[in-house]
Amino acid sequence: MTGLLLARDADFLWMMGEDGCAAPHGLVLAEGGIEQAPVLDMLRGIAAEVAREFGDGAWIITDSGEAVGLISFIKTPDADGAAEIGYGVAASRRGRGYAARAVVALVARLRDEGRLRALTAATATHNVASQKVLIRAGFEQTGARHDAEDGDMITWRLGLK
């Protein structure tokens, strides 16, 4: 059963392989890890910023005692109450529906909380799997943009209220 577990600072250190960091709730890391340490460290910084300004902002995607991915806000919510999310699944665990179930679970959680008006996301134009995840969760395509690091992107939005 796919679940979401709040990712705290120490959890990011554990995922990066820092010595002396205990696994949250006895989790084991998916084969090959979730992501490379520099990316996890960047996400750790974003999660800390979001936590200071908004509250919880990153969750470990779990399945049967294994950490298989991450889902998080990638910046603090804007003045209109919209927050952008990002997600990723360990390469060894892709194609199993984890991202789709995590996005649906996060949407449900955020609707129940009622603090946000909308979620946004962006996917690379060639990342059809991620586009399908957002479509299944009810997101609608809103446009396109170019990102210096990620190239051509499709933008998405989902109203929560």
Protein backbone atom coordinates (compact mmCIF):
# COMPACT_ATOMS: atom_id res chain seq x y z
CA MET A 1 0.00 0.00 0.00
CA THR A 2 1.47 3.32 -1.08
CA GLY A 3 1.68 5.91 1.67
CA LEU A 4 3.11 9.33 2.42
CA LEU A 5 5.42 9.93 5.36
CA LEU A 6 6.43 13.47 6.29
CA ALA A 7 10.08 13.97 5.27
CA ARG A 8 12.07 15.70 7.98
CA ASP A 9 15.61 17.04 7.70
CA ALA A 10 17.13 13.87 9.19
CA ASP A 11 15.21 11.78 6.65
CA PHE A 12 16.86 13.64 3.79
CA LEU A 13 20.26 12.99 5.40
CA TRP A 14 19.36 9.29 5.66
CA MET A 15 18.36 9.18 1.99
CA MET A 16 21.69 10.84 1.11
CA GLY A 17 23.56 8.11 3.01
CA GLU A 18 24.90 10.27 5.83
CA ASP A 19 26.55 8.21 8.57
CA GLY A 20 24.60 7.82 11.79
CA CYS A 21 21.21 8.74 10.34
CA ALA A 22 18.48 6.30 11.25
CA ALA A 23 15.81 5.25 8.79
CA PRO A 24 12.43 6.83 9.54
CA HIS A 25 9.97 4.28 10.91
CA GLY A 26 12.34 1.44 10.02
CA LEU A 27 12.06 2.06 6.28
CA VAL A 28 14.54 0.59 3.83
CA LEU A 29 15.65 2.56 0.81
CA ALA A 30 14.64 1.35 -2.66
CA GLU A 31 17.44 -0.32 -4.59
CA GLY A 32 19.73 2.37 -6.00
CA GLY A 33 18.22 5.07 -3.75
CA ILE A 34 15.58 7.61 -4.61
CA GLU A 35 17.82 10.23 -6.17
CA GLN A 36 21.44 11.37 -6.20
CA ALA A 37 22.73 13.17 -3.10
CA PRO A 38 23.06 16.65 -4.71
CA VAL A 39 19.41 16.56 -5.83
CA LEU A 40 18.28 15.33 -2.41
CA ASP A 41 20.30 18.10 -0.76
CA MET A 42 18.63 20.71 -3.00
CA LEU A 43 15.19 19.27 -2.15
CA ARG A 44 16.16 19.28 1.53
CA GLY A 45 16.83 23.03 1.30
CA ILE A 46 13.52 23.68 -0.44
CA ALA A 47 11.65 21.58 2.15
CA ALA A 48 13.26 23.60 4.97
CA GLU A 49 12.25 26.89 3.35
CA VAL A 50 8.68 25.71 2.76
CA ALA A 51 8.46 24.42 6.35
CA ARG A 52 9.54 27.81 7.74
CA GLU A 53 7.00 29.74 5.69
CA PHE A 54 4.11 27.31 5.26
CA GLY A 55 4.45 24.08 7.21
CA ASP A 56 4.86 20.53 5.96
CA GLY A 57 6.25 20.47 2.48
CA ALA A 58 7.89 17.14 1.61
CA TRP A 59 6.83 13.52 1.95
CA ILE A 60 8.53 10.20 1.40
CA ILE A 61 6.50 7.90 -0.84
CA THR A 62 6.44 4.51 0.86
CA ASP A 63 5.32 1.02 -0.02
CA SER A 64 5.50 -2.05 2.21
CA GLY A 65 8.22 -0.59 4.45
CA GLU A 66 10.30 0.76 1.58
CA ALA A 67 11.04 4.39 0.66
CA VAL A 68 10.34 4.47 -3.09
CA GLY A 69 10.14 8.19 -3.89
CA LEU A 70 9.53 11.77 -2.83
CA ILE A 71 6.75 14.28 -3.41
CA SER A 72 7.02 17.88 -2.29
CA PHE A 73 6.25 21.51 -2.81
CA ILE A 74 9.02 23.00 -4.90
CA LYS A 75 8.40 26.54 -3.67
CA THR A 76 6.23 28.22 -1.10
CA PRO A 77 2.61 28.91 -2.04
CA ASP A 78 2.00 32.13 -3.98
CA ALA A 79 -0.27 35.01 -2.97
CA ASP A 80 -3.22 33.34 -4.72
CA GLY A 81 -2.90 30.19 -2.60
CA ALA A 82 -1.36 27.99 -5.30
CA ALA A 83 1.66 25.78 -4.65
CA GLU A 84 3.81 23.96 -7.19
CA ILE A 85 4.57 20.30 -6.57
CA GLY A 86 7.24 17.98 -7.85
CA TYR A 87 7.73 14.26 -7.42
CA GLY A 88 10.09 11.49 -8.30
CA VAL A 89 10.34 7.75 -7.89
CA ALA A 90 13.49 5.66 -7.56
CA ALA A 91 14.62 4.43 -10.98
CA SER A 92 14.33 0.84 -9.74
CA ARG A 93 10.66 1.39 -8.80
CA ARG A 94 9.29 3.37 -11.74
CA GLY A 95 6.32 2.18 -13.76
CA ARG A 96 4.50 0.72 -10.76
CA GLY A 97 2.00 3.54 -10.13
CA TYR A 98 3.73 5.01 -7.07
CA ALA A 99 3.81 8.57 -8.41
CA ALA A 100 0.15 8.48 -9.43
CA ARG A 101 -0.98 7.16 -6.05
CA ALA A 102 1.22 9.68 -4.21
CA VAL A 103 -0.16 12.65 -6.17
CA VAL A 104 -3.75 11.51 -5.57
CA ALA A 105 -3.03 11.04 -1.84
CA LEU A 106 -1.40 14.46 -1.54
CA VAL A 107 -4.28 16.14 -3.38
CA ALA A 108 -6.77 14.50 -0.99
CA ARG A 109 -4.72 15.56 2.03
CA LEU A 110 -4.44 19.15 0.84
CA ARG A 111 -8.15 19.36 -0.01
CA ASP A 112 -8.96 18.19 3.52
CA GLU A 113 -6.62 20.80 5.03
CA GLY A 114 -8.18 23.59 2.99
CA ARG A 115 -5.13 25.89 3.19
CA LEU A 116 -4.46 26.01 -0.56
CA ARG A 117 -6.64 27.02 -3.48
CA ALA A 118 -4.73 25.14 -6.18
CA LEU A 119 -1.74 22.99 -7.07
CA THR A 120 0.48 23.49 -10.08
CA ALA A 121 3.14 21.32 -11.67
CA ALA A 122 5.39 21.23 -14.70
CA THR A 123 6.53 18.26 -16.77
CA ALA A 124 9.10 17.97 -19.50
CA THR A 125 7.40 17.71 -22.89
CA HIS A 126 9.00 14.29 -23.42
CA ASN A 127 7.98 12.92 -19.99
CA VAL A 128 4.72 11.28 -21.01
CA ALA A 129 4.60 9.08 -17.89
CA SER A 130 4.59 12.13 -15.60
CA GLN A 131 1.98 13.83 -17.76
CA LYS A 132 -0.28 10.78 -17.35
CA VAL A 133 0.21 10.93 -13.57
CA LEU A 134 -1.09 14.50 -13.47
CA ILE A 135 -3.98 13.82 -15.85
CA ARG A 136 -5.10 10.86 -13.69
CA ALA A 137 -5.02 13.12 -10.63
CA GLY A 138 -7.28 15.68 -12.34
CA PHE A 139 -4.71 18.31 -13.37
CA GLU A 140 -5.37 20.27 -16.55
CA GLN A 141 -2.74 21.55 -18.95
CA THR A 142 -2.45 25.34 -18.70
CA GLY A 143 0.39 26.19 -21.02
CA ALA A 144 4.05 25.76 -21.76
CA ARG A 145 7.35 27.35 -20.82
CA HIS A 146 11.05 26.85 -21.32
CA ASP A 147 13.29 26.07 -18.35
CA ALA A 148 17.05 26.66 -18.65
CA GLU A 149 17.83 23.35 -16.90
CA ASP A 150 14.94 21.11 -17.94
CA GLY A 151 14.11 22.38 -21.43
CA ASP A 152 10.59 22.67 -22.81
CA MET A 153 7.93 22.13 -20.16
CA ILE A 154 4.16 21.71 -20.01
CA THR A 155 2.45 23.51 -17.12
CA TRP A 156 -0.49 22.06 -15.18
CA ARG A 157 -3.04 23.21 -12.58
CA LEU A 158 -5.60 21.59 -10.30
CA GLY A 159 -8.12 23.56 -8.25
CA LEU A 160 -8.50 22.37 -4.68
CA LYS A 161 -11.59 24.39 -3.73
